[in-house]
Amino acid sequence: LSLNSNIAPVYDIQALYAYSQGDFSAVIANKETSLALAPYSLNSYTEYIDMLAAGMQAYAQNGDFESAQYCRETLKAIPGKLKAVQAKTSPLAWKIQDTPQLELPAEYQERLASLIGES
């Protein structure tokens, strides 16, 4: 980061480290930065969902419902982030061979709906 603060994988690594430490505020900050720098990385979105789901569950089990709710609200924002990226993507991008993949896999759509209480 000291050489270049615009490298998304570095923020992903920092998010993974924070996740391993149970520091979900750092997970969220680093994943948000990573997604801002690399908005077409669908794997980053699914990884983020997995991390937030684990955080939401851990906080709820420990009785920290405020933090669990924050994870839930952050989860709820992910589909909107994907839609915003789709909306700002050039129509030409959808016509090329290497079309951006911005649709969450069905299992993640279902999981997200169950985590945030929407069907």
C-alpha atoms as a PDB file:
ATOM      1  CA  LEU A   1       0.000   0.000   0.000  1.00  0.00           C
ATOM      2  CA  SER A   2       2.880   2.381   0.621  1.00  0.00           C
ATOM      3  CA  LEU A   3       3.858   2.012  -3.039  1.00  0.00           C
ATOM      4  CA  ASN A   4       0.364   2.006  -4.534  1.00  0.00           C
ATOM      5  CA  SER A   5      -2.879   2.377  -2.611  1.00  0.00           C
ATOM      6  CA  ASN A   6      -4.994   1.443  -5.635  1.00  0.00           C
ATOM      7  CA  ILE A   7      -4.447  -2.318  -5.637  1.00  0.00           C
ATOM      8  CA  ALA A   8      -7.674  -4.127  -4.735  1.00  0.00           C
ATOM      9  CA  PRO A   9      -6.088  -7.504  -3.815  1.00  0.00           C
ATOM     10  CA  VAL A  10      -4.088  -5.818  -1.053  1.00  0.00           C
ATOM     11  CA  TYR A  11      -7.335  -4.670   0.550  1.00  0.00           C
ATOM     12  CA  ASP A  12      -8.757  -8.171   0.104  1.00  0.00           C
ATOM     13  CA  ILE A  13      -5.772  -9.580   1.987  1.00  0.00           C
ATOM     14  CA  GLN A  14      -6.192  -6.994   4.732  1.00  0.00           C
ATOM     15  CA  ALA A  15      -9.895  -7.909   4.937  1.00  0.00           C
ATOM     16  CA  LEU A  16      -8.995 -11.596   5.261  1.00  0.00           C
ATOM     17  CA  TYR A  17      -6.529 -10.794   8.026  1.00  0.00           C
ATOM     18  CA  ALA A  18      -9.108  -8.669   9.841  1.00  0.00           C
ATOM     19  CA  TYR A  19     -11.624 -11.491   9.400  1.00  0.00           C
ATOM     20  CA  SER A  20      -9.206 -13.946  10.993  1.00  0.00           C
ATOM     21  CA  GLN A  21      -8.900 -11.538  13.932  1.00  0.00           C
ATOM     22  CA  GLY A  22     -12.680 -11.049  14.233  1.00  0.00           C
ATOM     23  CA  ASP A  23     -12.375  -7.338  13.421  1.00  0.00           C
ATOM     24  CA  PHE A  24     -15.433  -6.864  11.241  1.00  0.00           C
ATOM     25  CA  SER A  25     -15.211  -3.079  11.099  1.00  0.00           C
ATOM     26  CA  ALA A  26     -11.825  -3.524   9.389  1.00  0.00           C
ATOM     27  CA  VAL A  27     -13.264  -6.297   7.193  1.00  0.00           C
ATOM     28  CA  ILE A  28     -15.990  -3.940   6.009  1.00  0.00           C
ATOM     29  CA  ALA A  29     -13.649  -0.990   5.468  1.00  0.00           C
ATOM     30  CA  ASN A  30     -11.161  -3.061   3.472  1.00  0.00           C
ATOM     31  CA  LYS A  31     -13.745  -4.905   1.380  1.00  0.00           C
ATOM     32  CA  GLU A  32     -15.541  -1.641   0.580  1.00  0.00           C
ATOM     33  CA  THR A  33     -12.249  -0.164  -0.640  1.00  0.00           C
ATOM     34  CA  SER A  34     -11.462  -3.311  -2.611  1.00  0.00           C
ATOM     35  CA  LEU A  35     -14.873  -3.258  -4.307  1.00  0.00           C
ATOM     36  CA  ALA A  36     -14.527   0.436  -5.113  1.00  0.00           C
ATOM     37  CA  LEU A  37     -11.186  -0.279  -6.803  1.00  0.00           C
ATOM     38  CA  ALA A  38     -12.290  -3.495  -8.550  1.00  0.00           C
ATOM     39  CA  PRO A  39     -16.073  -3.355  -8.928  1.00  0.00           C
ATOM     40  CA  TYR A  40     -16.203  -6.158 -11.508  1.00  0.00           C
ATOM     41  CA  SER A  41     -14.729  -8.840  -9.232  1.00  0.00           C
ATOM     42  CA  LEU A  42     -17.771 -11.010  -8.513  1.00  0.00           C
ATOM     43  CA  ASN A  43     -15.629 -13.267  -6.326  1.00  0.00           C
ATOM     44  CA  SER A  44     -14.994 -10.289  -4.024  1.00  0.00           C
ATOM     45  CA  TYR A  45     -18.737  -9.793  -3.575  1.00  0.00           C
ATOM     46  CA  THR A  46     -19.383 -13.455  -2.753  1.00  0.00           C
ATOM     47  CA  GLU A  47     -16.419 -13.521  -0.362  1.00  0.00           C
ATOM     48  CA  TYR A  48     -17.796 -10.366   1.292  1.00  0.00           C
ATOM     49  CA  ILE A  49     -21.203 -12.020   1.719  1.00  0.00           C
ATOM     50  CA  ASP A  50     -19.559 -15.048   3.346  1.00  0.00           C
ATOM     51  CA  MET A  51     -17.564 -12.860   5.727  1.00  0.00           C
ATOM     52  CA  LEU A  52     -20.521 -10.690   6.711  1.00  0.00           C
ATOM     53  CA  ALA A  53     -22.759 -13.715   7.229  1.00  0.00           C
ATOM     54  CA  ALA A  54     -20.187 -15.216   9.590  1.00  0.00           C
ATOM     55  CA  GLY A  55     -19.862 -11.892  11.403  1.00  0.00           C
ATOM     56  CA  MET A  56     -23.618 -11.498  11.716  1.00  0.00           C
ATOM     57  CA  GLN A  57     -23.915 -14.990  13.174  1.00  0.00           C
ATOM     58  CA  ALA A  58     -20.986 -14.550  15.580  1.00  0.00           C
ATOM     59  CA  TYR A  59     -22.263 -11.212  16.852  1.00  0.00           C
ATOM     60  CA  ALA A  60     -25.792 -12.586  17.336  1.00  0.00           C
ATOM     61  CA  GLN A  61     -24.474 -15.630  19.226  1.00  0.00           C
ATOM     62  CA  ASN A  62     -22.505 -13.305  21.515  1.00  0.00           C
ATOM     63  CA  GLY A  63     -25.546 -11.116  22.125  1.00  0.00           C
ATOM     64  CA  ASP A  64     -24.153  -8.121  20.219  1.00  0.00           C
ATOM     65  CA  PHE A  65     -27.305  -7.499  18.216  1.00  0.00           C
ATOM     66  CA  GLU A  66     -26.307  -3.987  17.206  1.00  0.00           C
ATOM     67  CA  SER A  67     -23.183  -5.259  15.425  1.00  0.00           C
ATOM     68  CA  ALA A  68     -25.149  -8.163  13.942  1.00  0.00           C
ATOM     69  CA  GLN A  69     -27.643  -5.644  12.571  1.00  0.00           C
ATOM     70  CA  TYR A  70     -24.815  -3.566  11.088  1.00  0.00           C
ATOM     71  CA  CYS A  71     -23.540  -6.661   9.253  1.00  0.00           C
ATOM     72  CA  ARG A  72     -27.102  -7.322   8.061  1.00  0.00           C
ATOM     73  CA  GLU A  73     -27.493  -3.765   6.760  1.00  0.00           C
ATOM     74  CA  THR A  74     -24.147  -4.028   4.993  1.00  0.00           C
ATOM     75  CA  LEU A  75     -25.317  -7.304   3.414  1.00  0.00           C
ATOM     76  CA  LYS A  76     -28.525  -5.616   2.255  1.00  0.00           C
ATOM     77  CA  ALA A  77     -26.476  -3.010   0.385  1.00  0.00           C
ATOM     78  CA  ILE A  78     -24.551  -5.524  -1.755  1.00  0.00           C
ATOM     79  CA  PRO A  79     -27.219  -6.098  -4.445  1.00  0.00           C
ATOM     80  CA  GLY A  80     -27.539  -2.316  -4.823  1.00  0.00           C
ATOM     81  CA  LYS A  81     -23.783  -2.022  -5.286  1.00  0.00           C
ATOM     82  CA  LEU A  82     -23.923  -4.603  -8.075  1.00  0.00           C
ATOM     83  CA  LYS A  83     -26.847  -2.795  -9.728  1.00  0.00           C
ATOM     84  CA  ALA A  84     -24.959   0.508  -9.546  1.00  0.00           C
ATOM     85  CA  VAL A  85     -21.963  -1.073 -11.276  1.00  0.00           C
ATOM     86  CA  GLN A  86     -24.244  -2.553 -13.933  1.00  0.00           C
ATOM     87  CA  ALA A  87     -25.894   0.835 -14.480  1.00  0.00           C
ATOM     88  CA  LYS A  88     -22.603   2.654 -14.998  1.00  0.00           C
ATOM     89  CA  THR A  89     -21.168  -0.049 -17.269  1.00  0.00           C
ATOM     90  CA  SER A  90     -20.946   1.017 -20.888  1.00  0.00           C
ATOM     91  CA  PRO A  91     -23.430  -0.714 -23.231  1.00  0.00           C
ATOM     92  CA  LEU A  92     -20.398  -1.697 -25.296  1.00  0.00           C
ATOM     93  CA  ALA A  93     -19.089  -3.784 -22.388  1.00  0.00           C
ATOM     94  CA  TRP A  94     -22.119  -6.080 -22.623  1.00  0.00           C
ATOM     95  CA  LYS A  95     -21.431  -6.726 -26.326  1.00  0.00           C
ATOM     96  CA  ILE A  96     -17.820  -7.872 -26.063  1.00  0.00           C
ATOM     97  CA  GLN A  97     -16.744 -11.493 -25.704  1.00  0.00           C
ATOM     98  CA  ASP A  98     -15.520 -11.010 -22.134  1.00  0.00           C
ATOM     99  CA  THR A  99     -18.812  -9.689 -20.720  1.00  0.00           C
ATOM    100  CA  PRO A 100     -18.653  -8.527 -17.085  1.00  0.00           C
ATOM    101  CA  GLN A 101     -20.258 -11.014 -14.693  1.00  0.00           C
ATOM    102  CA  LEU A 102     -22.289  -9.018 -12.173  1.00  0.00           C
ATOM    103  CA  GLU A 103     -25.112 -11.411 -11.341  1.00  0.00           C
ATOM    104  CA  LEU A 104     -24.693 -13.194  -8.021  1.00  0.00           C
ATOM    105  CA  PRO A 105     -24.942 -16.977  -8.309  1.00  0.00           C
ATOM    106  CA  ALA A 106     -28.402 -18.297  -7.345  1.00  0.00           C
ATOM    107  CA  GLU A 107     -27.082 -19.833  -4.117  1.00  0.00           C
ATOM    108  CA  TYR A 108     -25.746 -16.427  -3.018  1.00  0.00           C
ATOM    109  CA  GLN A 109     -28.976 -14.657  -3.986  1.00  0.00           C
ATOM    110  CA  GLU A 110     -30.931 -17.164  -1.882  1.00  0.00           C
ATOM    111  CA  ARG A 111     -28.460 -16.983   0.999  1.00  0.00           C
ATOM    112  CA  LEU A 112     -28.494 -13.202   0.969  1.00  0.00           C
ATOM    113  CA  ALA A 113     -32.304 -13.153   0.949  1.00  0.00           C
ATOM    114  CA  SER A 114     -32.414 -15.484   3.944  1.00  0.00           C
ATOM    115  CA  LEU A 115     -29.746 -13.514   5.835  1.00  0.00           C
ATOM    116  CA  ILE A 116     -31.461 -10.169   5.430  1.00  0.00           C
ATOM    117  CA  GLY A 117     -34.965 -11.525   5.823  1.00  0.00           C
ATOM    118  CA  GLU A 118     -36.271 -11.035   2.316  1.00  0.00           C
ATOM    119  CA  SER A 119     -37.792 -13.693   0.110  1.00  0.00           C
END
